[in-house]
Amino acid sequence: MISETTRTLCARVAAASRHLGDLGLFIGSAGNVSARDGDLVAITASGTVLGEAGVDDITVVNLTGDIVAGNHRPSSEIELHLGVYRQPQFTGINAVVHTHSRFATAVAVVCDELPVIHYQQLGLGGSLRVAPFETFGTEALATAVHSALDGRLGALMANHGAVALGSDLDKAVDNAALLEWLCELYWHAHALGTPRTLDDEQQLAVIEHALRIRYGQKDTP
């Protein structure tokens, strides 16, 4: 038996998957979404058409990957997700989104890193690493992606796709959309010439200013 909280989380994972499909970040069953509820994780099942996901397409597992609820095998990238939830370097992360979105995948085919091209990228931690290619669904891929994510809320996966993290499901979805937008921006900028990037001094100035004015926080003046 799972709690009502976990059942609700399953519904939210399915809804997030459909939303990402509407945004064009999913193609068929390529990708996965998960969210954590204590020692349990709700994740899209293997073979799910993600843009049409329903609650029955979500599998609940524990942190060692044992199925607790659901009628289908979890996504083949289960270790990528569970590794995030298990490792102390990702404390506070409660949702993971992995996509094969068009622009992120294109950049990951060409680049070793996405440099800081827009100040909003600092919300993901700065320049974004590209994890080296490893076969999908393997421990080697999970390890490579976890390394690329260290200190970041997003990373690219060489010749594969992208992954975004969040303290909750909404934030992980937003970060996945932001990562795709940044990659699209880089694509178009590179077509026009050599993109300008923000240096360390400019990045620090942005961070200090954002903290000073409480940027992005919805509160009374």
N, C-alpha and C. Protein backbone atom coordinates (compact mmCIF):
# COMPACT_ATOMS: atom_id res chain seq x y z
N MET A 1 0.84 -1.20 0.00
CA MET A 1 0.00 0.00 0.00
C MET A 1 0.88 1.25 0.00
N ILE A 2 0.43 2.27 -0.72
CA ILE A 2 1.13 3.54 -0.71
C ILE A 2 0.19 4.60 -0.15
N SER A 3 0.76 5.67 0.37
CA SER A 3 -0.03 6.71 1.00
C SER A 3 -0.77 7.55 -0.04
N GLU A 4 -1.73 8.31 0.44
CA GLU A 4 -2.46 9.22 -0.43
C GLU A 4 -1.52 10.27 -1.00
N THR A 5 -0.52 10.67 -0.22
CA THR A 5 0.48 11.63 -0.69
C THR A 5 1.23 11.08 -1.90
N THR A 6 1.61 9.80 -1.83
CA THR A 6 2.33 9.19 -2.95
C THR A 6 1.41 9.03 -4.16
N ARG A 7 0.15 8.68 -3.93
CA ARG A 7 -0.80 8.59 -5.05
C ARG A 7 -0.95 9.94 -5.75
N THR A 8 -1.03 10.98 -4.95
CA THR A 8 -1.12 12.33 -5.52
C THR A 8 0.13 12.67 -6.31
N LEU A 9 1.29 12.26 -5.78
CA LEU A 9 2.54 12.52 -6.47
C LEU A 9 2.57 11.80 -7.82
N CYS A 10 2.05 10.59 -7.89
CA CYS A 10 1.98 9.85 -9.16
C CYS A 10 1.17 10.65 -10.19
N ALA A 11 0.04 11.20 -9.75
CA ALA A 11 -0.79 12.00 -10.65
C ALA A 11 -0.04 13.24 -11.11
N ARG A 12 0.75 13.83 -10.22
CA ARG A 12 1.50 15.03 -10.58
C ARG A 12 2.64 14.69 -11.55
N VAL A 13 3.27 13.54 -11.37
CA VAL A 13 4.32 13.12 -12.31
C VAL A 13 3.72 12.91 -13.71
N ALA A 14 2.56 12.28 -13.77
CA ALA A 14 1.89 12.07 -15.06
C ALA A 14 1.53 13.41 -15.69
N ALA A 15 1.01 14.34 -14.89
CA ALA A 15 0.63 15.65 -15.41
C ALA A 15 1.86 16.42 -15.91
N ALA A 16 2.97 16.32 -15.17
CA ALA A 16 4.20 16.99 -15.59
C ALA A 16 4.70 16.41 -16.91
N SER A 17 4.58 15.11 -17.06
CA SER A 17 5.00 14.45 -18.29
C SER A 17 4.17 14.94 -19.47
N ARG A 18 2.86 15.05 -19.28
CA ARG A 18 2.00 15.55 -20.36
C ARG A 18 2.34 17.00 -20.69
N HIS A 19 2.61 17.80 -19.67
CA HIS A 19 2.95 19.21 -19.89
C HIS A 19 4.25 19.35 -20.69
N LEU A 20 5.24 18.55 -20.34
CA LEU A 20 6.51 18.58 -21.08
C LEU A 20 6.31 18.12 -22.52
N GLY A 21 5.38 17.18 -22.71
CA GLY A 21 5.03 16.77 -24.06
C GLY A 21 4.41 17.91 -24.84
N ASP A 22 3.53 18.67 -24.19
CA ASP A 22 2.90 19.82 -24.83
C ASP A 22 3.93 20.88 -25.21
N LEU A 23 5.00 20.98 -24.41
CA LEU A 23 6.06 21.95 -24.69
C LEU A 23 6.99 21.48 -25.80
N GLY A 24 6.82 20.23 -26.23
CA GLY A 24 7.66 19.68 -27.28
C GLY A 24 8.98 19.12 -26.80
N LEU A 25 9.11 18.90 -25.50
CA LEU A 25 10.37 18.39 -24.97
C LEU A 25 10.46 16.87 -24.99
N PHE A 26 9.33 16.21 -25.23
CA PHE A 26 9.31 14.75 -25.32
C PHE A 26 8.91 14.31 -26.72
N ILE A 27 9.51 13.21 -27.16
CA ILE A 27 9.16 12.59 -28.43
C ILE A 27 8.82 11.14 -28.11
N GLY A 28 7.54 10.77 -28.24
CA GLY A 28 7.14 9.40 -27.95
C GLY A 28 7.49 8.99 -26.54
N SER A 29 8.21 7.89 -26.41
CA SER A 29 8.57 7.37 -25.08
C SER A 29 9.99 7.75 -24.68
N ALA A 30 10.62 8.66 -25.42
CA ALA A 30 12.02 9.03 -25.17
C ALA A 30 12.12 10.08 -24.08
N GLY A 31 12.50 9.65 -22.87
CA GLY A 31 12.65 10.54 -21.74
C GLY A 31 11.99 9.95 -20.52
N ASN A 32 12.04 10.67 -19.41
CA ASN A 32 11.42 10.19 -18.18
C ASN A 32 11.33 11.31 -17.16
N VAL A 33 10.40 11.12 -16.23
CA VAL A 33 10.15 12.10 -15.16
C VAL A 33 10.02 11.34 -13.86
N SER A 34 10.57 11.89 -12.78
CA SER A 34 10.38 11.26 -11.47
C SER A 34 10.26 12.34 -10.41
N ALA A 35 9.67 11.94 -9.27
CA ALA A 35 9.61 12.80 -8.10
C ALA A 35 9.68 11.93 -6.86
N ARG A 36 10.23 12.49 -5.81
CA ARG A 36 10.48 11.73 -4.58
C ARG A 36 9.49 12.09 -3.49
N ASP A 37 9.04 11.07 -2.77
CA ASP A 37 8.21 11.26 -1.58
C ASP A 37 8.85 10.44 -0.46
N GLY A 38 9.74 11.05 0.29
CA GLY A 38 10.46 10.32 1.34
C GLY A 38 11.35 9.25 0.75
N ASP A 39 11.10 7.99 1.12
CA ASP A 39 11.91 6.88 0.63
C ASP A 39 11.32 6.24 -0.63
N LEU A 40 10.29 6.85 -1.19
CA LEU A 40 9.65 6.33 -2.40
C LEU A 40 9.83 7.30 -3.55
N VAL A 41 9.86 6.75 -4.75
CA VAL A 41 10.03 7.55 -5.97
C VAL A 41 8.97 7.15 -6.98
N ALA A 42 8.25 8.13 -7.49
CA ALA A 42 7.28 7.90 -8.57
C ALA A 42 7.95 8.27 -9.88
N ILE A 43 7.97 7.33 -10.84
CA ILE A 43 8.70 7.54 -12.09
C ILE A 43 7.88 7.00 -13.26
N THR A 44 8.00 7.65 -14.40
CA THR A 44 7.31 7.17 -15.59
C THR A 44 7.80 5.77 -15.95
N ALA A 45 6.86 4.94 -16.37
CA ALA A 45 7.19 3.54 -16.69
C ALA A 45 7.85 3.43 -18.06
N SER A 46 8.61 2.37 -18.23
CA SER A 46 9.26 2.09 -19.50
C SER A 46 8.23 1.96 -20.61
N GLY A 47 8.50 2.58 -21.75
CA GLY A 47 7.62 2.48 -22.91
C GLY A 47 6.43 3.41 -22.90
N THR A 48 6.33 4.26 -21.89
CA THR A 48 5.19 5.19 -21.81
C THR A 48 5.30 6.27 -22.88
N VAL A 49 4.19 6.52 -23.58
CA VAL A 49 4.13 7.69 -24.46
C VAL A 49 3.96 8.89 -23.54
N LEU A 50 5.03 9.63 -23.35
CA LEU A 50 5.11 10.57 -22.24
C LEU A 50 4.11 11.72 -22.35
N GLY A 51 3.81 12.14 -23.55
CA GLY A 51 2.86 13.22 -23.73
C GLY A 51 1.43 12.82 -23.46
N GLU A 52 1.21 11.52 -23.24
CA GLU A 52 -0.13 11.01 -22.96
C GLU A 52 -0.19 10.26 -21.63
N ALA A 53 0.79 10.46 -20.78
CA ALA A 53 0.91 9.67 -19.55
C ALA A 53 -0.27 9.87 -18.61
N GLY A 54 -0.73 8.77 -18.04
CA GLY A 54 -1.75 8.79 -17.00
C GLY A 54 -1.20 8.17 -15.74
N VAL A 55 -1.98 8.16 -14.70
CA VAL A 55 -1.52 7.62 -13.41
C VAL A 55 -1.09 6.16 -13.55
N ASP A 56 -1.75 5.38 -14.40
CA ASP A 56 -1.40 3.97 -14.58
C ASP A 56 -0.04 3.79 -15.26
N ASP A 57 0.50 4.88 -15.81
CA ASP A 57 1.81 4.82 -16.47
C ASP A 57 2.94 5.20 -15.52
N ILE A 58 2.62 5.35 -14.24
CA ILE A 58 3.63 5.72 -13.24
C ILE A 58 3.89 4.52 -12.33
N THR A 59 5.16 4.24 -12.11
CA THR A 59 5.58 3.15 -11.22
C THR A 59 6.22 3.74 -9.97
N VAL A 60 5.94 3.15 -8.82
CA VAL A 60 6.54 3.60 -7.57
C VAL A 60 7.60 2.59 -7.14
N VAL A 61 8.79 3.10 -6.86
CA VAL A 61 9.90 2.24 -6.41
C VAL A 61 10.48 2.81 -5.13
N ASN A 62 11.23 1.98 -4.41
CA ASN A 62 11.98 2.51 -3.26
C ASN A 62 13.36 2.95 -3.74
N LEU A 63 14.19 3.43 -2.84
CA LEU A 63 15.47 4.01 -3.24
C LEU A 63 16.49 2.98 -3.71
N THR A 64 16.18 1.70 -3.56
CA THR A 64 17.05 0.67 -4.13
C THR A 64 16.50 0.13 -5.45
N GLY A 65 15.35 0.66 -5.88
CA GLY A 65 14.79 0.28 -7.18
C GLY A 65 13.77 -0.82 -7.16
N ASP A 66 13.40 -1.32 -5.98
CA ASP A 66 12.37 -2.36 -5.89
C ASP A 66 11.00 -1.74 -6.16
N ILE A 67 10.18 -2.42 -6.97
CA ILE A 67 8.86 -1.91 -7.29
C ILE A 67 7.94 -2.05 -6.08
N VAL A 68 7.31 -0.94 -5.70
CA VAL A 68 6.39 -0.90 -4.57
C VAL A 68 4.94 -0.89 -5.05
N ALA A 69 4.71 -0.21 -6.17
CA ALA A 69 3.36 -0.12 -6.73
C ALA A 69 3.46 0.17 -8.22
N GLY A 70 2.46 -0.30 -8.96
CA GLY A 70 2.44 -0.08 -10.41
C GLY A 70 2.47 -1.39 -11.16
N ASN A 71 2.02 -1.33 -12.40
CA ASN A 71 1.90 -2.55 -13.22
C ASN A 71 2.97 -2.66 -14.30
N HIS A 72 3.93 -1.73 -14.31
CA HIS A 72 4.92 -1.71 -15.39
C HIS A 72 6.32 -1.52 -14.83
N ARG A 73 7.30 -1.93 -15.62
CA ARG A 73 8.70 -1.70 -15.26
C ARG A 73 8.98 -0.19 -15.26
N PRO A 74 9.80 0.28 -14.32
CA PRO A 74 10.16 1.71 -14.35
C PRO A 74 11.05 2.01 -15.55
N SER A 75 11.19 3.27 -15.86
CA SER A 75 12.06 3.71 -16.96
C SER A 75 13.43 3.04 -16.91
N SER A 76 14.01 2.83 -18.08
CA SER A 76 15.34 2.22 -18.15
C SER A 76 16.41 3.10 -17.50
N GLU A 77 16.12 4.39 -17.33
CA GLU A 77 17.09 5.31 -16.72
C GLU A 77 16.87 5.42 -15.20
N ILE A 78 16.30 4.40 -14.60
CA ILE A 78 15.98 4.44 -13.18
C ILE A 78 17.19 4.76 -12.32
N GLU A 79 18.36 4.24 -12.66
CA GLU A 79 19.55 4.48 -11.84
C GLU A 79 20.01 5.93 -11.92
N LEU A 80 19.79 6.58 -13.04
CA LEU A 80 20.12 8.00 -13.15
C LEU A 80 19.31 8.77 -12.11
N HIS A 81 18.02 8.46 -12.01
CA HIS A 81 17.13 9.15 -11.07
C HIS A 81 17.46 8.78 -9.63
N LEU A 82 17.52 7.49 -9.34
CA LEU A 82 17.74 7.05 -7.96
C LEU A 82 19.09 7.50 -7.42
N GLY A 83 20.09 7.54 -8.30
CA GLY A 83 21.41 8.00 -7.87
C GLY A 83 21.38 9.44 -7.38
N VAL A 84 20.56 10.27 -8.03
CA VAL A 84 20.40 11.65 -7.57
C VAL A 84 19.79 11.67 -6.17
N TYR A 85 18.73 10.89 -5.97
CA TYR A 85 18.04 10.91 -4.69
C TYR A 85 18.86 10.30 -3.55
N ARG A 86 19.78 9.42 -3.90
CA ARG A 86 20.57 8.74 -2.86
C ARG A 86 21.82 9.52 -2.45
N GLN A 87 22.36 10.35 -3.32
CA GLN A 87 23.66 10.96 -3.07
C GLN A 87 23.55 12.28 -2.32
N PRO A 88 24.38 12.45 -1.29
CA PRO A 88 24.31 13.67 -0.47
C PRO A 88 24.58 14.96 -1.23
N GLN A 89 25.33 14.86 -2.34
CA GLN A 89 25.61 16.08 -3.11
C GLN A 89 24.34 16.67 -3.72
N PHE A 90 23.28 15.87 -3.78
CA PHE A 90 22.02 16.35 -4.35
C PHE A 90 20.93 16.51 -3.29
N THR A 91 21.34 16.70 -2.04
CA THR A 91 20.38 16.91 -0.97
C THR A 91 19.44 18.07 -1.32
N GLY A 92 18.15 17.87 -1.11
CA GLY A 92 17.18 18.92 -1.42
C GLY A 92 16.56 18.78 -2.79
N ILE A 93 17.09 17.86 -3.60
CA ILE A 93 16.52 17.60 -4.93
C ILE A 93 15.44 16.54 -4.79
N ASN A 94 14.24 16.87 -5.26
CA ASN A 94 13.11 15.95 -5.12
C ASN A 94 12.41 15.64 -6.44
N ALA A 95 13.00 16.07 -7.56
CA ALA A 95 12.42 15.76 -8.87
C ALA A 95 13.51 15.80 -9.93
N VAL A 96 13.36 14.91 -10.91
CA VAL A 96 14.32 14.80 -12.02
C VAL A 96 13.55 14.68 -13.33
N VAL A 97 13.98 15.44 -14.33
CA VAL A 97 13.40 15.38 -15.67
C VAL A 97 14.51 15.09 -16.66
N HIS A 98 14.32 14.05 -17.46
CA HIS A 98 15.28 13.71 -18.53
C HIS A 98 14.54 13.77 -19.87
N THR A 99 15.07 14.57 -20.79
CA THR A 99 14.45 14.72 -22.09
C THR A 99 15.42 14.40 -23.22
N HIS A 100 14.84 14.19 -24.40
CA HIS A 100 15.60 14.12 -25.64
C HIS A 100 15.20 15.30 -26.52
N SER A 101 15.00 16.44 -25.88
CA SER A 101 14.51 17.63 -26.59
C SER A 101 15.48 18.05 -27.70
N ARG A 102 14.90 18.67 -28.72
CA ARG A 102 15.61 18.89 -29.98
C ARG A 102 16.88 19.73 -29.83
N PHE A 103 16.78 20.92 -29.25
CA PHE A 103 17.93 21.81 -29.21
C PHE A 103 18.97 21.36 -28.20
N ALA A 104 18.54 20.87 -27.05
CA ALA A 104 19.50 20.37 -26.06
C ALA A 104 20.29 19.20 -26.63
N THR A 105 19.60 18.31 -27.32
CA THR A 105 20.29 17.16 -27.90
C THR A 105 21.26 17.60 -29.00
N ALA A 106 20.85 18.57 -29.81
CA ALA A 106 21.74 19.08 -30.87
C ALA A 106 23.01 19.67 -30.28
N VAL A 107 22.87 20.50 -29.24
CA VAL A 107 24.05 21.08 -28.60
C VAL A 107 24.92 20.00 -28.00
N ALA A 108 24.29 18.96 -27.43
CA ALA A 108 25.04 17.88 -26.81
C ALA A 108 25.77 17.00 -27.82
N VAL A 109 25.40 17.11 -29.09
CA VAL A 109 26.10 16.38 -30.14
C VAL A 109 27.40 17.10 -30.52
N VAL A 110 27.44 18.41 -30.30
CA VAL A 110 28.55 19.24 -30.80
C VAL A 110 29.47 19.74 -29.70
N CYS A 111 28.91 20.15 -28.58
CA CYS A 111 29.66 20.89 -27.55
C CYS A 111 30.10 20.00 -26.38
N ASP A 112 31.14 20.47 -25.70
CA ASP A 112 31.57 19.83 -24.45
C ASP A 112 31.03 20.58 -23.25
N GLU A 113 30.48 21.78 -23.48
CA GLU A 113 29.96 22.60 -22.41
C GLU A 113 29.08 23.69 -23.02
N LEU A 114 28.02 24.04 -22.33
CA LEU A 114 27.21 25.19 -22.73
C LEU A 114 27.66 26.36 -21.87
N PRO A 115 28.37 27.33 -22.46
CA PRO A 115 28.86 28.46 -21.67
C PRO A 115 27.71 29.36 -21.22
N VAL A 116 27.98 30.24 -20.30
CA VAL A 116 26.94 31.14 -19.79
C VAL A 116 26.68 32.23 -20.84
N ILE A 117 25.55 32.12 -21.51
CA ILE A 117 25.20 33.05 -22.58
C ILE A 117 24.09 34.00 -22.19
N HIS A 118 23.45 33.74 -21.06
CA HIS A 118 22.35 34.59 -20.59
C HIS A 118 22.32 34.51 -19.07
N TYR A 119 21.99 35.64 -18.41
CA TYR A 119 22.05 35.64 -16.95
C TYR A 119 21.09 34.65 -16.31
N GLN A 120 20.00 34.29 -17.00
CA GLN A 120 19.08 33.31 -16.41
C GLN A 120 19.72 31.93 -16.26
N GLN A 121 20.78 31.68 -17.01
CA GLN A 121 21.46 30.40 -16.91
C GLN A 121 22.08 30.21 -15.53
N LEU A 122 22.35 31.31 -14.84
CA LEU A 122 22.93 31.21 -13.50
C LEU A 122 21.98 30.52 -12.53
N GLY A 123 20.67 30.52 -12.85
CA GLY A 123 19.71 29.81 -12.03
C GLY A 123 19.92 28.31 -12.07
N LEU A 124 20.63 27.83 -13.09
CA LEU A 124 20.96 26.41 -13.19
C LEU A 124 22.36 26.11 -12.65
N GLY A 125 23.07 27.18 -12.25
CA GLY A 125 24.38 26.98 -11.65
C GLY A 125 25.55 27.51 -12.45
N GLY A 126 25.29 27.99 -13.68
CA GLY A 126 26.38 28.52 -14.50
C GLY A 126 26.56 27.73 -15.78
N SER A 127 27.80 27.60 -16.23
CA SER A 127 28.06 26.83 -17.44
C SER A 127 27.62 25.39 -17.20
N LEU A 128 27.10 24.77 -18.26
CA LEU A 128 26.53 23.43 -18.12
C LEU A 128 27.39 22.40 -18.83
N ARG A 129 27.77 21.39 -18.10
CA ARG A 129 28.66 20.36 -18.64
C ARG A 129 27.90 19.38 -19.53
N VAL A 130 28.66 18.75 -20.43
CA VAL A 130 28.11 17.69 -21.28
C VAL A 130 28.74 16.37 -20.81
N ALA A 131 27.92 15.50 -20.26
CA ALA A 131 28.42 14.20 -19.82
C ALA A 131 28.84 13.38 -21.04
N PRO A 132 29.96 12.66 -20.96
CA PRO A 132 30.40 11.85 -22.10
C PRO A 132 29.39 10.76 -22.43
N PHE A 133 29.38 10.34 -23.67
CA PHE A 133 28.41 9.34 -24.11
C PHE A 133 28.65 7.99 -23.43
N GLU A 134 27.58 7.42 -22.95
CA GLU A 134 27.57 6.06 -22.44
C GLU A 134 26.24 5.44 -22.87
N THR A 135 26.20 4.12 -22.96
CA THR A 135 24.97 3.44 -23.37
C THR A 135 23.83 3.76 -22.41
N PHE A 136 22.66 4.02 -22.98
CA PHE A 136 21.50 4.39 -22.17
C PHE A 136 21.16 3.30 -21.15
N GLY A 137 20.65 3.73 -20.01
CA GLY A 137 20.19 2.79 -18.99
C GLY A 137 21.28 2.06 -18.24
N THR A 138 22.53 2.51 -18.36
CA THR A 138 23.63 1.81 -17.68
C THR A 138 24.11 2.59 -16.47
N GLU A 139 24.81 1.89 -15.58
CA GLU A 139 25.43 2.53 -14.42
C GLU A 139 26.46 3.55 -14.88
N ALA A 140 27.15 3.22 -15.98
CA ALA A 140 28.18 4.13 -16.49
C ALA A 140 27.57 5.46 -16.90
N LEU A 141 26.41 5.42 -17.54
CA LEU A 141 25.75 6.67 -17.93
C LEU A 141 25.31 7.43 -16.69
N ALA A 142 24.69 6.75 -15.74
CA ALA A 142 24.24 7.41 -14.51
C ALA A 142 25.40 8.10 -13.81
N THR A 143 26.54 7.41 -13.72
CA THR A 143 27.71 7.98 -13.06
C THR A 143 28.22 9.21 -13.80
N ALA A 144 28.26 9.13 -15.12
CA ALA A 144 28.74 10.27 -15.92
C ALA A 144 27.82 11.48 -15.77
N VAL A 145 26.52 11.24 -15.75
CA VAL A 145 25.56 12.34 -15.63
C VAL A 145 25.61 12.94 -14.23
N HIS A 146 25.74 12.13 -13.21
CA HIS A 146 25.83 12.65 -11.85
C HIS A 146 27.05 13.54 -11.70
N SER A 147 28.14 13.16 -12.32
CA SER A 147 29.35 13.99 -12.28
C SER A 147 29.12 15.33 -12.98
N ALA A 148 28.46 15.28 -14.13
CA ALA A 148 28.19 16.52 -14.88
C ALA A 148 27.24 17.43 -14.13
N LEU A 149 26.37 16.85 -13.31
CA LEU A 149 25.38 17.63 -12.56
C LEU A 149 25.93 18.23 -11.27
N ASP A 150 27.11 17.83 -10.86
CA ASP A 150 27.64 18.28 -9.58
C ASP A 150 27.65 19.82 -9.50
N GLY A 151 26.92 20.38 -8.55
CA GLY A 151 26.86 21.83 -8.41
C GLY A 151 25.96 22.52 -9.40
N ARG A 152 25.18 21.76 -10.15
CA ARG A 152 24.30 22.31 -11.19
C ARG A 152 22.89 21.73 -11.06
N LEU A 153 21.94 22.41 -11.67
CA LEU A 153 20.57 21.90 -11.74
C LEU A 153 20.24 21.43 -13.14
N GLY A 154 21.23 21.36 -14.00
CA GLY A 154 21.02 20.86 -15.35
C GLY A 154 22.32 20.41 -15.96
N ALA A 155 22.23 19.50 -16.91
CA ALA A 155 23.39 19.02 -17.64
C ALA A 155 22.92 18.46 -18.98
N LEU A 156 23.86 18.37 -19.91
CA LEU A 156 23.59 17.76 -21.20
C LEU A 156 24.27 16.40 -21.24
N MET A 157 23.80 15.55 -22.14
CA MET A 157 24.30 14.19 -22.25
C MET A 157 24.71 13.97 -23.71
N ALA A 158 25.98 13.74 -23.94
CA ALA A 158 26.51 13.67 -25.30
C ALA A 158 25.73 12.69 -26.16
N ASN A 159 25.29 13.20 -27.34
CA ASN A 159 24.58 12.37 -28.32
C ASN A 159 23.36 11.67 -27.71
N HIS A 160 22.71 12.36 -26.76
CA HIS A 160 21.61 11.70 -26.05
C HIS A 160 20.50 12.68 -25.68
N GLY A 161 20.78 13.68 -24.83
CA GLY A 161 19.70 14.56 -24.40
C GLY A 161 20.11 15.46 -23.27
N ALA A 162 19.19 15.67 -22.33
CA ALA A 162 19.43 16.60 -21.23
C ALA A 162 18.75 16.10 -19.97
N VAL A 163 19.20 16.62 -18.84
CA VAL A 163 18.58 16.29 -17.56
C VAL A 163 18.52 17.56 -16.71
N ALA A 164 17.41 17.73 -15.99
CA ALA A 164 17.23 18.88 -15.12
C ALA A 164 16.71 18.42 -13.77
N LEU A 165 17.13 19.12 -12.73
CA LEU A 165 16.75 18.79 -11.36
C LEU A 165 15.93 19.93 -10.77
N GLY A 166 15.21 19.62 -9.68
CA GLY A 166 14.47 20.65 -8.97
C GLY A 166 14.17 20.24 -7.56
N SER A 167 13.96 21.22 -6.70
CA SER A 167 13.58 20.92 -5.33
C SER A 167 12.18 20.35 -5.26
N ASP A 168 11.40 20.59 -6.30
CA ASP A 168 10.09 19.95 -6.45
C ASP A 168 9.81 19.75 -7.93
N LEU A 169 8.68 19.14 -8.24
CA LEU A 169 8.38 18.78 -9.61
C LEU A 169 8.23 20.00 -10.50
N ASP A 170 7.55 21.03 -10.02
CA ASP A 170 7.36 22.23 -10.82
C ASP A 170 8.69 22.87 -11.19
N LYS A 171 9.61 22.92 -10.23
CA LYS A 171 10.91 23.54 -10.50
C LYS A 171 11.73 22.71 -11.47
N ALA A 172 11.66 21.39 -11.37
CA ALA A 172 12.39 20.54 -12.32
C ALA A 172 11.86 20.73 -13.73
N VAL A 173 10.54 20.83 -13.87
CA VAL A 173 9.93 21.07 -15.18
C VAL A 173 10.38 22.42 -15.72
N ASP A 174 10.33 23.45 -14.87
CA ASP A 174 10.77 24.79 -15.30
C ASP A 174 12.23 24.77 -15.72
N ASN A 175 13.07 24.05 -14.98
CA ASN A 175 14.49 24.00 -15.31
C ASN A 175 14.74 23.26 -16.61
N ALA A 176 13.95 22.22 -16.88
CA ALA A 176 14.07 21.51 -18.16
C ALA A 176 13.70 22.43 -19.32
N ALA A 177 12.63 23.23 -19.14
CA ALA A 177 12.22 24.17 -20.18
C ALA A 177 13.27 25.26 -20.37
N LEU A 178 13.85 25.75 -19.26
CA LEU A 178 14.89 26.77 -19.35
C LEU A 178 16.12 26.23 -20.06
N LEU A 179 16.50 25.01 -19.76
CA LEU A 179 17.67 24.41 -20.41
C LEU A 179 17.46 24.29 -21.91
N GLU A 180 16.27 23.89 -22.32
CA GLU A 180 15.99 23.79 -23.75
C GLU A 180 16.01 25.17 -24.40
N TRP A 181 15.46 26.19 -23.71
CA TRP A 181 15.46 27.55 -24.24
C TRP A 181 16.89 28.07 -24.41
N LEU A 182 17.75 27.80 -23.44
CA LEU A 182 19.14 28.24 -23.54
C LEU A 182 19.86 27.58 -24.71
N CYS A 183 19.57 26.30 -24.92
CA CYS A 183 20.20 25.60 -26.04
C CYS A 183 19.69 26.12 -27.38
N GLU A 184 18.41 26.44 -27.43
CA GLU A 184 17.87 27.03 -28.66
C GLU A 184 18.49 28.41 -28.90
N LEU A 185 18.62 29.19 -27.84
CA LEU A 185 19.25 30.51 -27.94
C LEU A 185 20.68 30.38 -28.46
N TYR A 186 21.42 29.42 -27.91
CA TYR A 186 22.80 29.20 -28.34
C TYR A 186 22.86 28.80 -29.80
N TRP A 187 21.95 27.93 -30.20
CA TRP A 187 21.87 27.48 -31.59
C TRP A 187 21.72 28.67 -32.54
N HIS A 188 20.74 29.53 -32.26
CA HIS A 188 20.48 30.67 -33.14
C HIS A 188 21.61 31.68 -33.09
N ALA A 189 22.16 31.93 -31.91
CA ALA A 189 23.26 32.88 -31.79
C ALA A 189 24.48 32.39 -32.55
N HIS A 190 24.75 31.10 -32.45
CA HIS A 190 25.91 30.53 -33.14
C HIS A 190 25.74 30.61 -34.66
N ALA A 191 24.51 30.55 -35.13
CA ALA A 191 24.26 30.67 -36.57
C ALA A 191 24.60 32.06 -37.08
N LEU A 192 24.52 33.07 -36.18
CA LEU A 192 24.80 34.45 -36.56
C LEU A 192 26.28 34.80 -36.41
N GLY A 193 26.98 34.09 -35.57
CA GLY A 193 28.39 34.38 -35.32
C GLY A 193 28.86 33.67 -34.07
N THR A 194 29.93 34.20 -33.47
CA THR A 194 30.45 33.61 -32.23
C THR A 194 29.70 34.22 -31.05
N PRO A 195 28.97 33.42 -30.29
CA PRO A 195 28.19 33.98 -29.17
C PRO A 195 29.07 34.63 -28.11
N ARG A 196 28.65 35.80 -27.62
CA ARG A 196 29.30 36.40 -26.46
C ARG A 196 28.90 35.61 -25.23
N THR A 197 29.81 35.47 -24.30
CA THR A 197 29.50 34.79 -23.05
C THR A 197 29.75 35.73 -21.89
N LEU A 198 29.14 35.45 -20.75
CA LEU A 198 29.34 36.25 -19.55
C LEU A 198 30.54 35.73 -18.79
N ASP A 199 31.51 36.63 -18.49
CA ASP A 199 32.70 36.20 -17.75
C ASP A 199 32.39 36.10 -16.26
N ASP A 200 33.36 35.66 -15.48
CA ASP A 200 33.15 35.44 -14.05
C ASP A 200 32.72 36.72 -13.33
N GLU A 201 33.33 37.84 -13.69
CA GLU A 201 33.01 39.11 -13.05
C GLU A 201 31.56 39.51 -13.34
N GLN A 202 31.14 39.35 -14.58
CA GLN A 202 29.76 39.67 -14.95
C GLN A 202 28.77 38.74 -14.25
N GLN A 203 29.10 37.47 -14.17
CA GLN A 203 28.22 36.52 -13.48
C GLN A 203 28.08 36.87 -12.01
N LEU A 204 29.19 37.22 -11.36
CA LEU A 204 29.15 37.58 -9.94
C LEU A 204 28.30 38.83 -9.73
N ALA A 205 28.44 39.80 -10.62
CA ALA A 205 27.65 41.03 -10.51
C ALA A 205 26.16 40.73 -10.61
N VAL A 206 25.80 39.83 -11.51
CA VAL A 206 24.39 39.45 -11.65
C VAL A 206 23.88 38.78 -10.37
N ILE A 207 24.65 37.86 -9.83
CA ILE A 207 24.25 37.14 -8.62
C ILE A 207 24.08 38.10 -7.45
N GLU A 208 25.05 39.01 -7.28
CA GLU A 208 24.98 39.96 -6.17
C GLU A 208 23.77 40.88 -6.31
N HIS A 209 23.51 41.33 -7.52
CA HIS A 209 22.36 42.21 -7.76
C HIS A 209 21.05 41.47 -7.52
N ALA A 210 20.98 40.23 -7.98
CA ALA A 210 19.76 39.44 -7.79
C ALA A 210 19.46 39.22 -6.31
N LEU A 211 20.50 38.95 -5.53
CA LEU A 211 20.32 38.77 -4.10
C LEU A 211 19.90 40.07 -3.43
N ARG A 212 20.46 41.17 -3.88
CA ARG A 212 20.18 42.46 -3.27
C ARG A 212 18.72 42.89 -3.48
N ILE A 213 18.20 42.63 -4.68
CA ILE A 213 16.83 43.07 -4.98
C ILE A 213 15.81 41.94 -4.81
N ARG A 214 16.26 40.80 -4.30
CA ARG A 214 15.39 39.63 -4.11
C ARG A 214 14.71 39.26 -5.43
N TYR A 215 15.51 39.17 -6.48
CA TYR A 215 15.02 38.91 -7.84
C TYR A 215 14.26 37.59 -7.91
N GLY A 216 13.09 37.65 -8.54
CA GLY A 216 12.30 36.45 -8.76
C GLY A 216 11.42 36.06 -7.59
N GLN A 217 11.51 36.80 -6.47
CA GLN A 217 10.70 36.48 -5.29
C GLN A 217 9.45 37.35 -5.28
N LYS A 218 8.33 36.71 -5.20
CA LYS A 218 7.04 37.40 -5.25
C LYS A 218 6.63 37.80 -3.83
N ASP A 219 6.90 39.06 -3.49
CA ASP A 219 6.55 39.52 -2.16
C ASP A 219 6.17 40.99 -2.22
N THR A 220 5.75 41.53 -1.11
CA THR A 220 5.33 42.93 -1.08
C THR A 220 6.54 43.85 -1.03
N PRO A 221 6.44 45.05 -1.58
CA PRO A 221 7.59 45.96 -1.58
C PRO A 221 7.92 46.45 -0.16
